[in-house]
Amino acid sequence: MKENKDEQVTSISKAKTLEEIADFWDTHSLADHWDETHEVDFEVRMQRKCRVTLTPEIYEKIEKVAREQGVLPETLVNLWLAEHLQGIEKEAS
């Protein structure tokens, strides 16, 4: 979005909010506005993710418990590991 003195407005949609931008692009095609675009460079900073290999049997059990609790297996494992590490830190203190 371009910065104006009082408000930010996108160059194509003339939208002032993210909701207005979304509404505009829900009903318009970028192909119709391609000649109004320009190339830009930007940087994306992502959190680093690590992978841990589990045996299929262990993953199946985790998946079952996660489904019962209504969370993703990854979320459940992260919660369990955080709780376990917290316990270890308390014991070390």
PDB file of N, CA and C in Angstrom:
ATOM      1  N   MET A   1       0.837  -1.182   0.000  1.00  0.00           N
ATOM      2  CA  MET A   1       0.000   0.000   0.000  1.00  0.00           C
ATOM      3  C   MET A   1       0.878   1.239   0.000  1.00  0.00           C
ATOM      4  N   LYS A   2       0.478   2.225  -0.737  1.00  0.00           N
ATOM      5  CA  LYS A   2       1.202   3.494  -0.772  1.00  0.00           C
ATOM      6  C   LYS A   2       0.914   4.275   0.502  1.00  0.00           C
ATOM      7  N   GLU A   3       1.915   5.002   0.944  1.00  0.00           N
ATOM      8  CA  GLU A   3       1.693   5.824   2.123  1.00  0.00           C
ATOM      9  C   GLU A   3       1.319   7.230   1.695  1.00  0.00           C
ATOM     10  N   ASN A   4       0.160   7.672   2.084  1.00  0.00           N
ATOM     11  CA  ASN A   4      -0.264   9.054   1.885  1.00  0.00           C
ATOM     12  C   ASN A   4      -0.147   9.763   3.225  1.00  0.00           C
ATOM     13  N   LYS A   5      -0.391  11.046   3.230  1.00  0.00           N
ATOM     14  CA  LYS A   5      -0.282  11.795   4.478  1.00  0.00           C
ATOM     15  C   LYS A   5      -1.255  11.283   5.536  1.00  0.00           C
ATOM     16  N   ASP A   6      -2.515  11.055   5.168  1.00  0.00           N
ATOM     17  CA  ASP A   6      -3.527  10.691   6.146  1.00  0.00           C
ATOM     18  C   ASP A   6      -3.909   9.222   6.133  1.00  0.00           C
ATOM     19  N   GLU A   7      -3.697   8.544   5.015  1.00  0.00           N
ATOM     20  CA  GLU A   7      -4.158   7.158   4.930  1.00  0.00           C
ATOM     21  C   GLU A   7      -3.319   6.382   3.943  1.00  0.00           C
ATOM     22  N   GLN A   8      -3.389   5.062   4.035  1.00  0.00           N
ATOM     23  CA  GLN A   8      -2.721   4.193   3.086  1.00  0.00           C
ATOM     24  C   GLN A   8      -3.765   3.688   2.103  1.00  0.00           C
ATOM     25  N   VAL A   9      -3.417   3.700   0.826  1.00  0.00           N
ATOM     26  CA  VAL A   9      -4.336   3.261  -0.211  1.00  0.00           C
ATOM     27  C   VAL A   9      -3.551   2.371  -1.171  1.00  0.00           C
ATOM     28  N   THR A  10      -4.113   1.225  -1.552  1.00  0.00           N
ATOM     29  CA  THR A  10      -3.419   0.377  -2.507  1.00  0.00           C
ATOM     30  C   THR A  10      -3.556   0.970  -3.899  1.00  0.00           C
ATOM     31  N   SER A  11      -2.566   0.752  -4.717  1.00  0.00           N
ATOM     32  CA  SER A  11      -2.524   1.410  -6.022  1.00  0.00           C
ATOM     33  C   SER A  11      -3.586   0.906  -6.994  1.00  0.00           C
ATOM     34  N   ILE A  12      -3.938  -0.338  -6.962  1.00  0.00           N
ATOM     35  CA  ILE A  12      -4.915  -0.872  -7.915  1.00  0.00           C
ATOM     36  C   ILE A  12      -6.337  -0.801  -7.370  1.00  0.00           C
ATOM     37  N   SER A  13      -6.548  -1.339  -6.193  1.00  0.00           N
ATOM     38  CA  SER A  13      -7.914  -1.416  -5.661  1.00  0.00           C
ATOM     39  C   SER A  13      -8.386  -0.117  -5.012  1.00  0.00           C
ATOM     40  N   LYS A  14      -7.446   0.736  -4.678  1.00  0.00           N
ATOM     41  CA  LYS A  14      -7.738   1.974  -3.934  1.00  0.00           C
ATOM     42  C   LYS A  14      -8.337   1.675  -2.554  1.00  0.00           C
ATOM     43  N   ALA A  15      -8.103   0.458  -2.080  1.00  0.00           N
ATOM     44  CA  ALA A  15      -8.616   0.026  -0.786  1.00  0.00           C
ATOM     45  C   ALA A  15      -7.796   0.638   0.338  1.00  0.00           C
ATOM     46  N   LYS A  16      -8.444   0.837   1.474  1.00  0.00           N
ATOM     47  CA  LYS A  16      -7.782   1.434   2.638  1.00  0.00           C
ATOM     48  C   LYS A  16      -7.568   0.429   3.765  1.00  0.00           C
ATOM     49  N   THR A  17      -8.245  -0.724   3.694  1.00  0.00           N
ATOM     50  CA  THR A  17      -8.107  -1.732   4.745  1.00  0.00           C
ATOM     51  C   THR A  17      -7.858  -3.095   4.100  1.00  0.00           C
ATOM     52  N   LEU A  18      -7.361  -4.029   4.904  1.00  0.00           N
ATOM     53  CA  LEU A  18      -7.150  -5.386   4.395  1.00  0.00           C
ATOM     54  C   LEU A  18      -8.465  -6.018   3.947  1.00  0.00           C
ATOM     55  N   GLU A  19      -9.538  -5.726   4.661  1.00  0.00           N
ATOM     56  CA  GLU A  19     -10.851  -6.256   4.292  1.00  0.00           C
ATOM     57  C   GLU A  19     -11.281  -5.730   2.919  1.00  0.00           C
ATOM     58  N   GLU A  20     -11.070  -4.452   2.678  1.00  0.00           N
ATOM     59  CA  GLU A  20     -11.418  -3.870   1.384  1.00  0.00           C
ATOM     60  C   GLU A  20     -10.563  -4.466   0.270  1.00  0.00           C
ATOM     61  N   ILE A  21      -9.290  -4.708   0.556  1.00  0.00           N
ATOM     62  CA  ILE A  21      -8.411  -5.343  -0.424  1.00  0.00           C
ATOM     63  C   ILE A  21      -8.931  -6.729  -0.760  1.00  0.00           C
ATOM     64  N   ALA A  22      -9.274  -7.506   0.273  1.00  0.00           N
ATOM     65  CA  ALA A  22      -9.789  -8.860   0.063  1.00  0.00           C
ATOM     66  C   ALA A  22     -11.076  -8.828  -0.746  1.00  0.00           C
ATOM     67  N   ASP A  23     -11.971  -7.921  -0.419  1.00  0.00           N
ATOM     68  CA  ASP A  23     -13.232  -7.801  -1.158  1.00  0.00           C
ATOM     69  C   ASP A  23     -12.971  -7.482  -2.629  1.00  0.00           C
ATOM     70  N   PHE A  24     -12.034  -6.584  -2.878  1.00  0.00           N
ATOM     71  CA  PHE A  24     -11.723  -6.206  -4.254  1.00  0.00           C
ATOM     72  C   PHE A  24     -11.220  -7.416  -5.036  1.00  0.00           C
ATOM     73  N   TRP A  25     -10.235  -8.140  -4.474  1.00  0.00           N
ATOM     74  CA  TRP A  25      -9.635  -9.253  -5.209  1.00  0.00           C
ATOM     75  C   TRP A  25     -10.531 -10.471  -5.258  1.00  0.00           C
ATOM     76  N   ASP A  26     -11.561 -10.526  -4.420  1.00  0.00           N
ATOM     77  CA  ASP A  26     -12.562 -11.596  -4.536  1.00  0.00           C
ATOM     78  C   ASP A  26     -13.383 -11.441  -5.806  1.00  0.00           C
ATOM     79  N   THR A  27     -13.463 -10.214  -6.331  1.00  0.00           N
ATOM     80  CA  THR A  27     -14.316  -9.950  -7.490  1.00  0.00           C
ATOM     81  C   THR A  27     -13.536  -9.463  -8.712  1.00  0.00           C
ATOM     82  N   HIS A  28     -12.213  -9.423  -8.628  1.00  0.00           N
ATOM     83  CA  HIS A  28     -11.392  -8.958  -9.744  1.00  0.00           C
ATOM     84  C   HIS A  28     -10.275  -9.954 -10.023  1.00  0.00           C
ATOM     85  N   SER A  29      -9.769  -9.919 -11.232  1.00  0.00           N
ATOM     86  CA  SER A  29      -8.663 -10.791 -11.623  1.00  0.00           C
ATOM     87  C   SER A  29      -7.398  -9.965 -11.807  1.00  0.00           C
ATOM     88  N   LEU A  30      -6.282 -10.488 -11.325  1.00  0.00           N
ATOM     89  CA  LEU A  30      -5.004  -9.805 -11.511  1.00  0.00           C
ATOM     90  C   LEU A  30      -4.677  -9.693 -13.002  1.00  0.00           C
ATOM     91  N   ALA A  31      -5.147 -10.642 -13.787  1.00  0.00           N
ATOM     92  CA  ALA A  31      -4.897 -10.609 -15.232  1.00  0.00           C
ATOM     93  C   ALA A  31      -5.421  -9.317 -15.858  1.00  0.00           C
ATOM     94  N   ASP A  32      -6.494  -8.785 -15.312  1.00  0.00           N
ATOM     95  CA  ASP A  32      -7.067  -7.537 -15.836  1.00  0.00           C
ATOM     96  C   ASP A  32      -6.252  -6.307 -15.447  1.00  0.00           C
ATOM     97  N   HIS A  33      -5.342  -6.465 -14.504  1.00  0.00           N
ATOM     98  CA  HIS A  33      -4.569  -5.328 -13.989  1.00  0.00           C
ATOM     99  C   HIS A  33      -3.062  -5.556 -14.106  1.00  0.00           C
ATOM    100  N   TRP A  34      -2.661  -6.568 -14.861  1.00  0.00           N
ATOM    101  CA  TRP A  34      -1.250  -6.954 -14.919  1.00  0.00           C
ATOM    102  C   TRP A  34      -0.357  -5.794 -15.352  1.00  0.00           C
ATOM    103  N   ASP A  35      -0.833  -4.978 -16.288  1.00  0.00           N
ATOM    104  CA  ASP A  35      -0.024  -3.861 -16.778  1.00  0.00           C
ATOM    105  C   ASP A  35       0.157  -2.755 -15.725  1.00  0.00           C
ATOM    106  N   GLU A  36      -0.591  -2.830 -14.634  1.00  0.00           N
ATOM    107  CA  GLU A  36      -0.464  -1.847 -13.553  1.00  0.00           C
ATOM    108  C   GLU A  36       0.477  -2.319 -12.444  1.00  0.00           C
ATOM    109  N   THR A  37       1.018  -3.524 -12.594  1.00  0.00           N
ATOM    110  CA  THR A  37       1.888  -4.073 -11.556  1.00  0.00           C
ATOM    111  C   THR A  37       3.345  -3.775 -11.874  1.00  0.00           C
ATOM    112  N   HIS A  38       4.195  -3.972 -10.882  1.00  0.00           N
ATOM    113  CA  HIS A  38       5.627  -3.826 -11.078  1.00  0.00           C
ATOM    114  C   HIS A  38       6.341  -4.815 -10.162  1.00  0.00           C
ATOM    115  N   GLU A  39       7.528  -5.177 -10.549  1.00  0.00           N
ATOM    116  CA  GLU A  39       8.304  -6.142  -9.789  1.00  0.00           C
ATOM    117  C   GLU A  39       8.814  -5.504  -8.503  1.00  0.00           C
ATOM    118  N   VAL A  40       8.783  -6.263  -7.423  1.00  0.00           N
ATOM    119  CA  VAL A  40       9.305  -5.780  -6.147  1.00  0.00           C
ATOM    120  C   VAL A  40      10.161  -6.858  -5.498  1.00  0.00           C
ATOM    121  N   ASP A  41      11.045  -6.450  -4.650  1.00  0.00           N
ATOM    122  CA  ASP A  41      11.839  -7.365  -3.835  1.00  0.00           C
ATOM    123  C   ASP A  41      11.370  -7.237  -2.404  1.00  0.00           C
ATOM    124  N   PHE A  42      11.258  -8.349  -1.715  1.00  0.00           N
ATOM    125  CA  PHE A  42      10.910  -8.311  -0.303  1.00  0.00           C
ATOM    126  C   PHE A  42      11.512  -9.511   0.394  1.00  0.00           C
ATOM    127  N   GLU A  43      11.619  -9.395   1.680  1.00  0.00           N
ATOM    128  CA  GLU A  43      12.224 -10.441   2.498  1.00  0.00           C
ATOM    129  C   GLU A  43      11.158 -11.067   3.378  1.00  0.00           C
ATOM    130  N   VAL A  44      11.192 -12.380   3.476  1.00  0.00           N
ATOM    131  CA  VAL A  44      10.258 -13.108   4.332  1.00  0.00           C
ATOM    132  C   VAL A  44      11.061 -13.758   5.450  1.00  0.00           C
ATOM    133  N   ARG A  45      10.663 -13.489   6.666  1.00  0.00           N
ATOM    134  CA  ARG A  45      11.340 -14.103   7.821  1.00  0.00           C
ATOM    135  C   ARG A  45      10.419 -15.154   8.412  1.00  0.00           C
ATOM    136  N   MET A  46      10.854 -16.375   8.345  1.00  0.00           N
ATOM    137  CA  MET A  46      10.044 -17.480   8.852  1.00  0.00           C
ATOM    138  C   MET A  46      10.731 -18.095  10.066  1.00  0.00           C
ATOM    139  N   GLN A  47       9.902 -18.604  10.959  1.00  0.00           N
ATOM    140  CA  GLN A  47      10.468 -19.317  12.082  1.00  0.00           C
ATOM    141  C   GLN A  47      11.006 -20.649  11.579  1.00  0.00           C
ATOM    142  N   ARG A  48      12.149 -21.015  12.101  1.00  0.00           N
ATOM    143  CA  ARG A  48      12.762 -22.284  11.714  1.00  0.00           C
ATOM    144  C   ARG A  48      11.976 -23.436  12.328  1.00  0.00           C
ATOM    145  N   LYS A  49      11.681 -24.430  11.527  1.00  0.00           N
ATOM    146  CA  LYS A  49      10.996 -25.614  12.031  1.00  0.00           C
ATOM    147  C   LYS A  49      11.947 -26.792  11.948  1.00  0.00           C
ATOM    148  N   CYS A  50      11.870 -27.652  12.941  1.00  0.00           N
ATOM    149  CA  CYS A  50      12.706 -28.845  12.983  1.00  0.00           C
ATOM    150  C   CYS A  50      11.809 -30.065  12.889  1.00  0.00           C
ATOM    151  N   ARG A  51      12.331 -31.079  12.295  1.00  0.00           N
ATOM    152  CA  ARG A  51      11.557 -32.312  12.156  1.00  0.00           C
ATOM    153  C   ARG A  51      12.175 -33.407  13.021  1.00  0.00           C
ATOM    154  N   VAL A  52      11.320 -34.211  13.595  1.00  0.00           N
ATOM    155  CA  VAL A  52      11.740 -35.355  14.381  1.00  0.00           C
ATOM    156  C   VAL A  52      11.069 -36.583  13.789  1.00  0.00           C
ATOM    157  N   THR A  53      11.840 -37.622  13.554  1.00  0.00           N
ATOM    158  CA  THR A  53      11.294 -38.845  12.971  1.00  0.00           C
ATOM    159  C   THR A  53      10.706 -39.726  14.067  1.00  0.00           C
ATOM    160  N   LEU A  54       9.490 -40.198  13.840  1.00  0.00           N
ATOM    161  CA  LEU A  54       8.814 -41.096  14.766  1.00  0.00           C
ATOM    162  C   LEU A  54       8.551 -42.416  14.063  1.00  0.00           C
ATOM    163  N   THR A  55       8.498 -43.484  14.839  1.00  0.00           N
ATOM    164  CA  THR A  55       8.100 -44.757  14.231  1.00  0.00           C
ATOM    165  C   THR A  55       6.622 -44.669  13.880  1.00  0.00           C
ATOM    166  N   PRO A  56       6.185 -45.388  12.860  1.00  0.00           N
ATOM    167  CA  PRO A  56       4.767 -45.346  12.492  1.00  0.00           C
ATOM    168  C   PRO A  56       3.833 -45.731  13.646  1.00  0.00           C
ATOM    169  N   GLU A  57       4.257 -46.659  14.473  1.00  0.00           N
ATOM    170  CA  GLU A  57       3.423 -47.088  15.596  1.00  0.00           C
ATOM    171  C   GLU A  57       3.222 -45.965  16.606  1.00  0.00           C
ATOM    172  N   ILE A  58       4.285 -45.271  16.927  1.00  0.00           N
ATOM    173  CA  ILE A  58       4.184 -44.157  17.874  1.00  0.00           C
ATOM    174  C   ILE A  58       3.331 -43.048  17.277  1.00  0.00           C
ATOM    175  N   TYR A  59       3.543 -42.740  15.999  1.00  0.00           N
ATOM    176  CA  TYR A  59       2.766 -41.675  15.369  1.00  0.00           C
ATOM    177  C   TYR A  59       1.280 -42.018  15.361  1.00  0.00           C
ATOM    178  N   GLU A  60       0.937 -43.252  15.093  1.00  0.00           N
ATOM    179  CA  GLU A  60      -0.480 -43.666  15.098  1.00  0.00           C
ATOM    180  C   GLU A  60      -1.117 -43.429  16.461  1.00  0.00           C
ATOM    181  N   LYS A  61      -0.383 -43.755  17.534  1.00  0.00           N
ATOM    182  CA  LYS A  61      -0.907 -43.539  18.884  1.00  0.00           C
ATOM    183  C   LYS A  61      -1.080 -42.048  19.164  1.00  0.00           C
ATOM    184  N   ILE A  62      -0.099 -41.263  18.771  1.00  0.00           N
ATOM    185  CA  ILE A  62      -0.181 -39.813  18.958  1.00  0.00           C
ATOM    186  C   ILE A  62      -1.355 -39.255  18.164  1.00  0.00           C
ATOM    187  N   GLU A  63      -1.509 -39.713  16.947  1.00  0.00           N
ATOM    188  CA  GLU A  63      -2.593 -39.249  16.085  1.00  0.00           C
ATOM    189  C   GLU A  63      -3.958 -39.564  16.705  1.00  0.00           C
ATOM    190  N   LYS A  64      -4.088 -40.735  17.304  1.00  0.00           N
ATOM    191  CA  LYS A  64      -5.347 -41.133  17.942  1.00  0.00           C
ATOM    192  C   LYS A  64      -5.669 -40.214  19.123  1.00  0.00           C
ATOM    193  N   VAL A  65      -4.686 -39.984  19.982  1.00  0.00           N
ATOM    194  CA  VAL A  65      -4.896 -39.111  21.145  1.00  0.00           C
ATOM    195  C   VAL A  65      -5.203 -37.693  20.690  1.00  0.00           C
ATOM    196  N   ALA A  66      -4.486 -37.224  19.688  1.00  0.00           N
ATOM    197  CA  ALA A  66      -4.705 -35.869  19.181  1.00  0.00           C
ATOM    198  C   ALA A  66      -6.125 -35.721  18.641  1.00  0.00           C
ATOM    199  N   ARG A  67      -6.574 -36.703  17.896  1.00  0.00           N
ATOM    200  CA  ARG A  67      -7.938 -36.676  17.351  1.00  0.00           C
ATOM    201  C   ARG A  67      -8.957 -36.617  18.485  1.00  0.00           C
ATOM    202  N   GLU A  68      -8.743 -37.414  19.534  1.00  0.00           N
ATOM    203  CA  GLU A  68      -9.647 -37.429  20.691  1.00  0.00           C
ATOM    204  C   GLU A  68      -9.684 -36.062  21.383  1.00  0.00           C
ATOM    205  N   GLN A  69      -8.539 -35.358  21.379  1.00  0.00           N
ATOM    206  CA  GLN A  69      -8.464 -34.056  22.039  1.00  0.00           C
ATOM    207  C   GLN A  69      -8.778 -32.900  21.096  1.00  0.00           C
ATOM    208  N   GLY A  70      -8.990 -33.208  19.835  1.00  0.00           N
ATOM    209  CA  GLY A  70      -9.356 -32.184  18.870  1.00  0.00           C
ATOM    210  C   GLY A  70      -8.226 -31.250  18.479  1.00  0.00           C
ATOM    211  N   VAL A  71      -7.007 -31.769  18.481  1.00  0.00           N
ATOM    212  CA  VAL A  71      -5.849 -30.966  18.084  1.00  0.00           C
ATOM    213  C   VAL A  71      -5.050 -31.725  17.034  1.00  0.00           C
ATOM    214  N   LEU A  72      -4.153 -31.029  16.375  1.00  0.00           N
ATOM    215  CA  LEU A  72      -3.255 -31.679  15.425  1.00  0.00           C
ATOM    216  C   LEU A  72      -2.198 -32.479  16.175  1.00  0.00           C
ATOM    217  N   PRO A  73      -1.715 -33.568  15.587  1.00  0.00           N
ATOM    218  CA  PRO A  73      -0.651 -34.341  16.245  1.00  0.00           C
ATOM    219  C   PRO A  73       0.564 -33.482  16.585  1.00  0.00           C
ATOM    220  N   GLU A  74       0.932 -32.565  15.694  1.00  0.00           N
ATOM    221  CA  GLU A  74       2.086 -31.698  15.946  1.00  0.00           C
ATOM    222  C   GLU A  74       1.872 -30.832  17.183  1.00  0.00           C
ATOM    223  N   THR A  75       0.645 -30.335  17.348  1.00  0.00           N
ATOM    224  CA  THR A  75       0.318 -29.513  18.504  1.00  0.00           C
ATOM    225  C   THR A  75       0.426 -30.338  19.778  1.00  0.00           C
ATOM    226  N   LEU A  76      -0.113 -31.537  19.755  1.00  0.00           N
ATOM    227  CA  LEU A  76      -0.073 -32.412  20.922  1.00  0.00           C
ATOM    228  C   LEU A  76       1.365 -32.729  21.318  1.00  0.00           C
ATOM    229  N   VAL A  77       2.189 -33.082  20.348  1.00  0.00           N
ATOM    230  CA  VAL A  77       3.590 -33.411  20.638  1.00  0.00           C
ATOM    231  C   VAL A  77       4.306 -32.196  21.223  1.00  0.00           C
ATOM    232  N   ASN A  78       4.074 -31.013  20.653  1.00  0.00           N
ATOM    233  CA  ASN A  78       4.710 -29.806  21.189  1.00  0.00           C
ATOM    234  C   ASN A  78       4.275 -29.532  22.622  1.00  0.00           C
ATOM    235  N   LEU A  79       2.987 -29.732  22.916  1.00  0.00           N
ATOM    236  CA  LEU A  79       2.497 -29.539  24.289  1.00  0.00           C
ATOM    237  C   LEU A  79       3.152 -30.532  25.238  1.00  0.00           C
ATOM    238  N   TRP A  80       3.189 -31.803  24.836  1.00  0.00           N
ATOM    239  CA  TRP A  80       3.786 -32.827  25.683  1.00  0.00           C
ATOM    240  C   TRP A  80       5.264 -32.544  25.938  1.00  0.00           C
ATOM    241  N   LEU A  81       5.976 -32.169  24.893  1.00  0.00           N
ATOM    242  CA  LEU A  81       7.400 -31.893  25.061  1.00  0.00           C
ATOM    243  C   LEU A  81       7.630 -30.671  25.955  1.00  0.00           C
ATOM    244  N   ALA A  82       6.818 -29.639  25.778  1.00  0.00           N
ATOM    245  CA  ALA A  82       6.944 -28.441  26.619  1.00  0.00           C
ATOM    246  C   ALA A  82       6.697 -28.796  28.084  1.00  0.00           C
ATOM    247  N   GLU A  83       5.654 -29.597  28.348  1.00  0.00           N
ATOM    248  CA  GLU A  83       5.356 -30.017  29.725  1.00  0.00           C
ATOM    249  C   GLU A  83       6.502 -30.837  30.300  1.00  0.00           C
ATOM    250  N   HIS A  84       7.017 -31.748  29.504  1.00  0.00           N
ATOM    251  CA  HIS A  84       8.107 -32.605  29.969  1.00  0.00           C
ATOM    252  C   HIS A  84       9.358 -31.775  30.273  1.00  0.00           C
ATOM    253  N   LEU A  85       9.700 -30.878  29.387  1.00  0.00           N
ATOM    254  CA  LEU A  85      10.882 -30.034  29.596  1.00  0.00           C
ATOM    255  C   LEU A  85      10.712 -29.112  30.794  1.00  0.00           C
ATOM    256  N   GLN A  86       9.504 -28.634  31.011  1.00  0.00           N
ATOM    257  CA  GLN A  86       9.214 -27.790  32.168  1.00  0.00           C
ATOM    258  C   GLN A  86       9.456 -28.594  33.457  1.00  0.00           C
ATOM    259  N   GLY A  87       9.021 -29.854  33.450  1.00  0.00           N
ATOM    260  CA  GLY A  87       9.239 -30.725  34.602  1.00  0.00           C
ATOM    261  C   GLY A  87      10.717 -30.948  34.869  1.00  0.00           C
ATOM    262  N   ILE A  88      11.459 -31.160  33.820  1.00  0.00           N
ATOM    263  CA  ILE A  88      12.913 -31.359  33.961  1.00  0.00           C
ATOM    264  C   ILE A  88      13.580 -30.106  34.520  1.00  0.00           C
ATOM    265  N   GLU A  89      13.155 -28.936  34.037  1.00  0.00           N
ATOM    266  CA  GLU A  89      13.736 -27.688  34.527  1.00  0.00           C
ATOM    267  C   GLU A  89      13.419 -27.476  35.999  1.00  0.00           C
ATOM    268  N   LYS A  90      12.210 -27.849  36.436  1.00  0.00           N
ATOM    269  CA  LYS A  90      11.841 -27.712  37.845  1.00  0.00           C
ATOM    270  C   LYS A  90      12.683 -28.630  38.706  1.00  0.00           C
ATOM    271  N   GLU A  91      12.924 -29.871  38.237  1.00  0.00           N
ATOM    272  CA  GLU A  91      13.731 -30.826  38.994  1.00  0.00           C
ATOM    273  C   GLU A  91      15.178 -30.331  39.128  1.00  0.00           C
ATOM    274  N   ALA A  92      15.667 -29.665  38.084  1.00  0.00           N
ATOM    275  CA  ALA A  92      17.050 -29.190  38.099  1.00  0.00           C
ATOM    276  C   ALA A  92      17.222 -27.981  39.023  1.00  0.00           C
ATOM    277  N   SER A  93      16.150 -27.286  39.312  1.00  0.00           N
ATOM    278  CA  SER A  93      16.261 -26.075  40.150  1.00  0.00           C
ATOM    279  C   SER A  93      16.390 -26.393  41.613  1.00  0.00           C
TER     280      SER A  93
END
